[in-house]
Protein backbone atom coordinates (compact mmCIF):
# COMPACT_ATOMS: atom_id res chain seq x y z
CA MET A 1 -20.81 175.74 -39.67
CA ARG A 2 -19.78 173.14 -37.13
CA ASN A 3 -21.40 169.73 -37.58
CA GLU A 4 -23.81 169.03 -34.75
CA PRO A 5 -24.88 165.58 -33.61
CA PRO A 6 -28.06 164.45 -35.36
CA HIS A 7 -29.97 164.27 -32.05
CA THR A 8 -29.44 167.99 -31.24
CA SER A 9 -32.63 169.97 -31.71
CA ALA A 10 -32.80 172.94 -34.07
CA PHE A 11 -33.65 175.23 -31.16
CA ALA A 12 -30.63 173.97 -29.19
CA ARG A 13 -28.33 174.74 -32.13
CA LEU A 14 -29.41 178.37 -32.01
CA LEU A 15 -27.98 178.78 -28.49
CA PRO A 16 -24.33 179.75 -27.90
CA GLY A 17 -22.04 177.05 -26.56
CA ARG A 18 -22.58 173.61 -25.15
CA ALA A 19 -24.02 174.93 -21.88
CA GLY A 20 -26.94 176.41 -23.78
CA ARG A 21 -27.61 173.14 -25.53
CA VAL A 22 -27.50 171.20 -22.26
CA ALA A 23 -29.95 173.64 -20.70
CA ILE A 24 -32.40 173.30 -23.60
CA LEU A 25 -32.16 169.53 -23.65
CA VAL A 26 -33.44 169.33 -20.07
CA ALA A 27 -35.67 172.42 -20.02
CA GLY A 28 -38.78 170.51 -21.04
CA ALA A 29 -38.71 168.47 -17.86
CA ALA A 30 -37.41 171.20 -15.54
CA GLY A 31 -40.62 173.06 -14.80
CA ILE A 32 -43.32 170.52 -15.52
CA VAL A 33 -43.32 168.20 -12.54
CA GLY A 34 -42.63 168.66 -8.83
CA PHE A 35 -39.20 168.30 -7.25
CA CYS A 36 -39.89 164.86 -5.85
CA ARG A 37 -42.68 163.49 -8.10
CA LEU A 38 -42.73 159.75 -7.59
CA SER A 39 -45.40 158.72 -10.12
CA GLN A 40 -44.55 156.18 -12.78
CA THR A 41 -44.35 156.96 -16.46
CA HIS A 42 -45.36 153.49 -17.54
CA ALA A 43 -47.89 151.06 -16.13
CA PRO A 44 -46.27 148.62 -13.68
CA GLY A 45 -44.74 145.67 -15.47
CA ALA A 46 -45.30 147.11 -18.94
CA GLY A 47 -42.30 147.26 -21.24
CA PRO A 48 -41.73 149.96 -23.87
CA SER A 49 -43.54 149.69 -27.17
CA ALA A 50 -41.68 148.74 -30.33
CA GLU A 51 -41.51 152.41 -31.40
CA VAL A 52 -40.26 153.50 -28.00
CA ALA A 53 -37.80 150.61 -27.86
CA GLY A 54 -36.28 151.70 -31.18
CA SER A 55 -35.94 155.26 -29.89
CA LEU A 56 -34.43 153.93 -26.69
CA ARG A 57 -31.80 151.93 -28.54
CA GLU A 58 -30.84 155.02 -30.53
CA SER A 59 -30.63 157.16 -27.40
CA SER A 60 -28.64 154.49 -25.59
CA ARG A 61 -26.11 154.30 -28.40
CA ALA A 62 -25.81 158.09 -28.44
CA ALA A 63 -25.30 158.27 -24.70
CA GLY A 64 -23.09 155.22 -24.42
CA ALA A 65 -25.50 153.59 -22.00
CA PRO A 66 -24.29 150.31 -20.49
CA PRO A 67 -25.56 147.02 -21.87
CA ALA A 68 -28.34 145.07 -20.22
CA THR A 69 -27.42 143.84 -16.77
CA GLY A 70 -29.33 140.58 -16.92
CA ASN A 71 -31.65 141.80 -14.19
CA ARG A 72 -34.91 141.99 -16.12
CA GLY A 73 -36.66 144.23 -13.60
CA ALA A 74 -33.77 146.69 -13.37
CA ASP A 75 -33.29 146.76 -17.15
CA ARG A 76 -37.00 147.37 -17.69
CA ALA A 77 -37.01 150.23 -15.17
CA ARG A 78 -33.97 151.82 -16.76
CA ALA A 79 -35.47 151.44 -20.21
CA ALA A 80 -38.67 153.13 -19.06
CA LEU A 81 -36.69 156.07 -17.62
CA ALA A 82 -34.62 156.49 -20.78
CA ALA A 83 -37.72 156.32 -22.97
CA ALA A 84 -39.56 158.86 -20.81
CA HIS A 85 -36.58 161.23 -20.70
CA PRO A 86 -34.51 160.94 -23.90
CA GLU A 87 -33.15 164.43 -23.17
CA TRP A 88 -31.22 162.96 -20.25
CA ALA A 89 -29.39 160.53 -22.52
CA ARG A 90 -28.60 163.28 -25.02
CA ALA A 91 -27.34 165.62 -22.28
CA LEU A 92 -25.14 162.85 -20.89
CA ALA A 93 -23.66 162.17 -24.34
CA ASP A 94 -23.05 165.89 -24.84
CA LEU A 95 -21.23 166.15 -21.51
CA SER A 96 -19.15 163.05 -22.18
CA ALA A 97 -17.82 164.64 -25.37
CA ILE A 98 -16.20 167.49 -23.40
CA ALA A 99 -12.50 166.74 -22.94
CA ASP A 100 -11.53 169.60 -20.62
CA PRO A 101 -12.22 168.57 -16.98
CA ALA A 102 -12.97 172.10 -15.76
CA GLU A 103 -15.38 172.74 -18.62
CA ARG A 104 -17.06 169.39 -18.04
CA ILE A 105 -17.56 170.18 -14.35
CA ALA A 106 -19.06 173.58 -15.17
CA HIS A 107 -21.53 172.08 -17.62
CA ALA A 108 -22.36 169.21 -15.26
CA GLU A 109 -23.21 171.74 -12.54
CA ALA A 110 -25.46 173.60 -14.96
CA LEU A 111 -27.21 170.35 -15.84
CA ILE A 112 -27.71 169.45 -12.18
CA THR A 113 -29.27 172.86 -11.50
CA SER A 114 -31.56 172.58 -14.48
CA LEU A 115 -32.81 169.17 -13.33
CA ALA A 116 -34.10 170.57 -10.02
CA GLY A 117 -37.67 170.60 -11.30
CA THR A 118 -37.69 166.99 -12.49
CA ASP A 119 -38.32 163.76 -10.67
CA VAL A 120 -34.94 163.87 -8.96
CA PRO A 121 -34.85 160.27 -7.62
CA ASP A 122 -35.52 158.94 -11.12
CA ALA A 123 -32.85 161.24 -12.56
CA ILE A 124 -30.34 160.05 -9.98
CA THR A 125 -31.09 156.43 -10.88
CA PHE A 126 -30.75 157.07 -14.60
CA PHE A 127 -27.44 158.92 -14.43
CA ARG A 128 -25.95 156.55 -11.85
CA GLU A 129 -26.66 153.53 -14.09
CA SER A 130 -25.72 155.25 -17.35
CA ALA A 131 -22.20 156.32 -16.44
CA ILE A 132 -19.81 157.22 -19.25
CA ASP A 133 -16.23 157.72 -18.02
CA GLY A 134 -17.68 158.49 -14.60
CA VAL A 135 -19.75 161.44 -15.87
CA GLY A 136 -23.10 159.88 -15.07
CA LYS A 137 -22.01 159.03 -11.55
CA GLU A 138 -20.79 162.60 -11.00
CA ILE A 139 -24.17 163.96 -12.05
CA ALA A 140 -26.04 161.42 -9.91
CA THR A 141 -23.98 162.39 -6.86
CA GLY A 142 -24.55 166.09 -7.53
CA LEU A 143 -28.28 165.53 -7.80
CA LEU A 144 -28.32 163.54 -4.57
CA ARG A 145 -26.48 166.33 -2.79
CA ARG A 146 -28.94 168.88 -4.14
CA LEU A 147 -31.92 166.76 -3.11
CA THR A 148 -30.44 166.42 0.39
CA THR A 149 -30.02 170.18 0.71
CA PHE A 150 -33.70 170.87 0.08
CA HIS A 151 -35.41 167.60 1.06
CA PRO A 152 -33.12 165.53 3.33
CA GLN A 153 -35.80 163.03 4.30
CA SER A 154 -36.50 162.27 0.64
CA ALA A 155 -32.78 161.88 -0.04
CA ALA A 156 -32.42 159.58 2.97
CA ALA A 157 -35.33 157.44 1.78
CA TYR A 158 -33.81 157.21 -1.70
CA ALA A 159 -30.40 156.13 -0.36
CA GLU A 160 -32.02 153.51 1.88
CA SER A 161 -34.00 152.13 -1.06
CA LEU A 162 -30.87 151.15 -2.98
CA PRO A 163 -29.81 147.49 -2.93
CA PRO A 164 -27.02 146.58 -0.49
CA GLY A 165 -23.57 147.29 -1.84
CA GLU A 166 -20.95 149.97 -2.42
CA GLU A 167 -23.29 152.37 -4.22
CA ARG A 168 -25.81 152.29 -1.39
CA THR A 169 -23.10 152.91 1.20
CA GLU A 170 -21.72 155.84 -0.82
CA ALA A 171 -25.20 157.32 -1.16
CA LEU A 172 -25.84 157.01 2.58
CA GLN A 173 -22.55 158.74 3.35
CA THR A 174 -23.28 161.54 0.88
CA VAL A 175 -26.68 162.24 2.39
CA ALA A 176 -25.29 162.18 5.94
CA THR A 177 -22.53 164.65 5.11
CA VAL A 178 -24.76 167.15 3.30
CA TRP A 179 -27.60 166.86 5.82
CA ALA A 180 -25.15 167.58 8.67
CA ASP A 181 -24.48 171.01 7.22
CA THR A 182 -28.08 172.08 7.88
CA ASP A 183 -29.21 169.82 10.74
CA ALA A 184 -26.44 167.78 12.30
CA ALA A 185 -28.59 166.43 15.13
CA ARG A 186 -31.18 164.86 12.81
CA ALA A 187 -28.49 163.61 10.47
CA ALA A 188 -26.78 161.86 13.38
CA GLU A 189 -30.05 160.34 14.57
CA TRP A 190 -30.60 158.94 11.09
CA VAL A 191 -27.08 157.53 10.83
CA LYS A 192 -27.55 155.71 14.15
CA THR A 193 -30.47 153.80 12.59
CA TRP A 194 -28.32 152.28 9.84
CA ASP A 195 -27.83 148.54 9.77
CA ALA A 196 -24.48 147.19 10.92
CA GLY A 197 -21.83 147.03 8.23
CA VAL A 198 -22.87 150.08 6.20
CA GLY A 199 -20.39 152.55 7.66
CA GLN A 200 -22.22 153.93 10.69
CA ASP A 201 -18.96 154.98 12.38
CA GLU A 202 -17.75 156.62 9.19
CA GLY A 203 -21.07 158.48 8.86
CA LEU A 204 -20.81 159.87 12.40
CA ILE A 205 -17.22 160.95 11.77
CA LYS A 206 -18.26 162.79 8.62
CA ILE A 207 -21.03 164.56 10.53
CA ALA A 208 -18.56 165.49 13.27
CA TYR A 209 -16.29 167.14 10.71
CA GLU A 210 -19.20 169.20 9.40
CA THR A 211 -20.25 170.11 12.95
CA ALA A 212 -16.85 171.06 14.37
CA PRO A 213 -16.60 174.68 13.10
CA LYS A 214 -19.97 175.55 14.66
CA ASP A 215 -20.13 173.19 17.65
CA ALA A 216 -16.83 171.62 18.68
CA VAL A 217 -18.26 170.05 21.82
CA GLY A 218 -21.12 168.49 19.88
CA ALA A 219 -18.69 167.12 17.30
CA ILE A 220 -16.56 165.48 19.97
CA ASP A 221 -19.63 164.05 21.70
CA LEU A 222 -20.73 162.42 18.43
CA VAL A 223 -17.60 160.29 18.20
CA ALA A 224 -16.53 159.95 21.84
CA ASP A 225 -18.04 156.46 22.17
CA LEU A 226 -16.70 155.11 18.87
CA PRO A 227 -13.91 152.55 18.95
CA PRO A 228 -10.44 154.18 18.84
CA SER A 229 -9.15 154.65 15.31
CA GLU A 230 -7.06 157.05 13.27
CA GLU A 231 -10.21 158.52 11.76
CA ARG A 232 -11.88 159.10 15.12
CA ASN A 233 -8.71 160.61 16.60
CA ALA A 234 -8.34 162.92 13.61
CA VAL A 235 -11.83 164.38 13.94
CA VAL A 236 -11.42 164.83 17.71
CA ASP A 237 -8.16 166.68 17.03
CA HIS A 238 -9.87 168.80 14.41
CA ALA A 239 -12.79 169.75 16.64
CA ALA A 240 -10.57 170.57 19.61
CA ALA A 241 -8.35 172.78 17.46
CA GLN A 242 -11.36 174.65 16.09
CA TRP A 243 -12.45 175.66 19.58
CA ALA A 244 -8.96 176.24 20.97
CA THR A 245 -8.10 178.66 18.20
CA ALA A 246 -10.96 180.94 19.22
CA GLN A 247 -11.24 180.33 22.99
CA PRO A 248 -8.26 178.35 24.30
CA ARG A 249 -8.75 179.00 28.01
CA GLU A 250 -12.45 178.10 27.95
CA ALA A 251 -11.71 175.03 25.83
CA ALA A 252 -8.99 173.84 28.22
CA GLU A 253 -11.22 174.33 31.27
CA TRP A 254 -13.96 172.28 29.61
CA ALA A 255 -11.59 169.51 28.51
CA ALA A 256 -10.02 169.22 31.96
CA GLN A 257 -13.45 168.39 33.42
CA LEU A 258 -14.12 165.51 31.04
CA PRO A 259 -14.14 161.96 32.45
CA LYS A 260 -10.66 160.49 32.65
CA GLY A 261 -9.75 158.57 29.54
CA ALA A 262 -8.08 158.63 26.16
CA VAL A 263 -10.56 161.02 24.54
CA ARG A 264 -10.23 163.55 27.35
CA ASP A 265 -6.43 163.42 27.22
CA GLN A 266 -6.33 163.76 23.43
CA VAL A 267 -8.71 166.71 23.43
CA LEU A 268 -6.87 168.49 26.21
CA ALA A 269 -3.46 167.95 24.60
CA ARG A 270 -4.63 169.40 21.29
CA ILE A 271 -6.13 172.43 23.03
CA LEU A 272 -2.96 173.07 25.04
CA VAL A 273 -0.82 173.09 21.91
CA GLU A 274 -3.08 175.77 20.42
CA TRP A 275 -3.15 177.68 23.70
CA ALA A 276 0.65 177.77 23.74
CA VAL A 277 0.57 180.27 20.90
CA GLU A 278 -1.20 182.77 23.15
CA ASP A 279 -0.05 181.80 26.67
CA PRO A 280 2.69 179.13 26.63
CA ALA A 281 3.42 179.35 30.37
CA MET A 282 -0.18 178.56 31.31
CA ALA A 283 -0.45 175.83 28.67
CA ALA A 284 2.75 174.28 30.00
CA ALA A 285 1.51 174.33 33.59
CA VAL A 286 -1.75 172.61 32.64
CA ALA A 287 0.08 170.03 30.52
CA VAL A 288 2.29 168.76 33.34
CA SER A 289 -0.51 168.86 35.90
CA GLN A 290 -3.41 167.41 33.90
CA LEU A 291 -1.94 164.99 31.37
CA PRO A 292 -0.86 161.52 32.50
CA PRO A 293 2.84 160.62 32.05
CA GLY A 294 3.52 158.98 28.74
CA ARG A 295 3.95 159.58 25.05
CA LEU A 296 1.02 162.00 24.73
CA MET A 297 2.29 164.28 27.52
CA ASP A 298 5.83 164.19 26.14
CA ASP A 299 4.68 165.13 22.64
CA THR A 300 2.50 167.92 24.03
CA VAL A 301 5.36 169.34 26.11
CA ILE A 302 7.69 169.35 23.09
CA SER A 303 5.07 171.15 20.99
CA ILE A 304 4.61 173.77 23.71
CA VAL A 305 8.39 174.25 23.93
CA GLN A 306 8.55 174.84 20.20
CA ARG A 307 5.86 177.54 20.32
CA TRP A 308 7.18 179.12 23.50
CA THR A 309 10.71 179.41 22.09
CA GLN A 310 9.37 181.40 19.14
CA THR A 311 8.00 184.16 21.40
CA ASP A 312 9.95 183.95 24.68
CA PRO A 313 13.10 181.84 24.49
CA VAL A 314 14.29 182.94 27.92
CA GLY A 315 11.06 181.81 29.59
CA ALA A 316 11.05 178.53 27.63
CA GLY A 317 14.63 177.79 28.64
CA LYS A 318 13.95 178.42 32.32
CA TRP A 319 10.93 176.10 32.21
CA ILE A 320 12.94 173.27 30.66
CA GLU A 321 15.65 173.64 33.30
CA GLN A 322 13.06 172.66 35.92
CA PHE A 323 12.43 169.26 34.29
CA PRO A 324 13.77 166.20 36.10
CA GLU A 325 16.68 164.58 34.33
CA GLY A 326 15.60 162.10 31.71
CA PRO A 327 14.71 161.61 28.01
CA LEU A 328 11.96 164.27 28.04
CA LYS A 329 14.27 166.99 29.34
CA GLN A 330 16.94 166.00 26.85
CA THR A 331 14.53 166.07 23.88
CA ALA A 332 12.96 169.35 25.01
CA MET A 333 16.39 170.98 25.39
CA GLU A 334 17.47 169.75 21.96
CA ASN A 335 14.37 171.27 20.36
CA PHE A 336 14.81 174.48 22.33
CA THR A 337 18.49 174.87 21.41
CA GLN A 338 17.89 174.20 17.73
CA LEU A 339 15.03 176.70 17.49
CA ARG A 340 16.79 179.35 19.58
CA ASP A 341 20.00 179.13 17.57
CA HIS A 342 18.10 179.27 14.31
CA LYS A 343 16.07 182.25 15.48
CA PHE A 344 19.00 184.25 16.74
């Protein structure tokens, strides 16, 4: 018989595999309290008893919990959580012993699901502060995502309650991204209330990515007023392509009516490149009539030439011949000739 850790219960040893043991270790808490129970296990300010403290030290050693931080209040709160839920420490230790990444992920997901009936904010705090090789943080993030799916306001409140720093910013971004999948408008309203310096622009960009497949116009509107950046340009490109793939003509007509500016030009250019797959002649006509002269128009024209040559090289060649002499005509002809010769 395989030697089991001394902290594994007899009932857990009867179950097949590590997943069964993980499920048993957390089952006691899973159905007893509500999803977001916020009551305290210990009286405020009270530390664990000597008996509990001894049990806590044993559980901490088994789980590889980090040493005291020096913050008496934080250490006391963590100690109270570990003493109230020793099964969490044992489950974390069990997961950390799994070497195979895929197996570890599978068991971590099972643990996250089984914790749905516990006090999720407390569980997130415990696993986030008891990380072993990143396992605890993975579980904490999974729990936060699950909490956001079912109770986004509670998840938002939890993320906001964290002390300023990288972990708080990561938690805010996680909640914003998951919340956007079910209610992008409310998620965006919440992100706009964040204090400066906590990634408000990044949060809106993440929401825009989640929104784009269902509402390309809404996604672009979310980031249209953000300062220009590679990240903002990328999400605008992504949203425009999503719409153009399905309805290129409608998308181009909408984009052409936008107020003049960099966002309008970028959106229109991306749509025209997609439209060129279906109707390169029309996409070409709109490109030269609606885009301002410059690098963006040149790049768009070359992309249209490349797509047009694949389906109608004769038509593409005739269009290029109409260009005025200059670098754009030369580059377009070089691309056309190379693709035509390769194709035929």
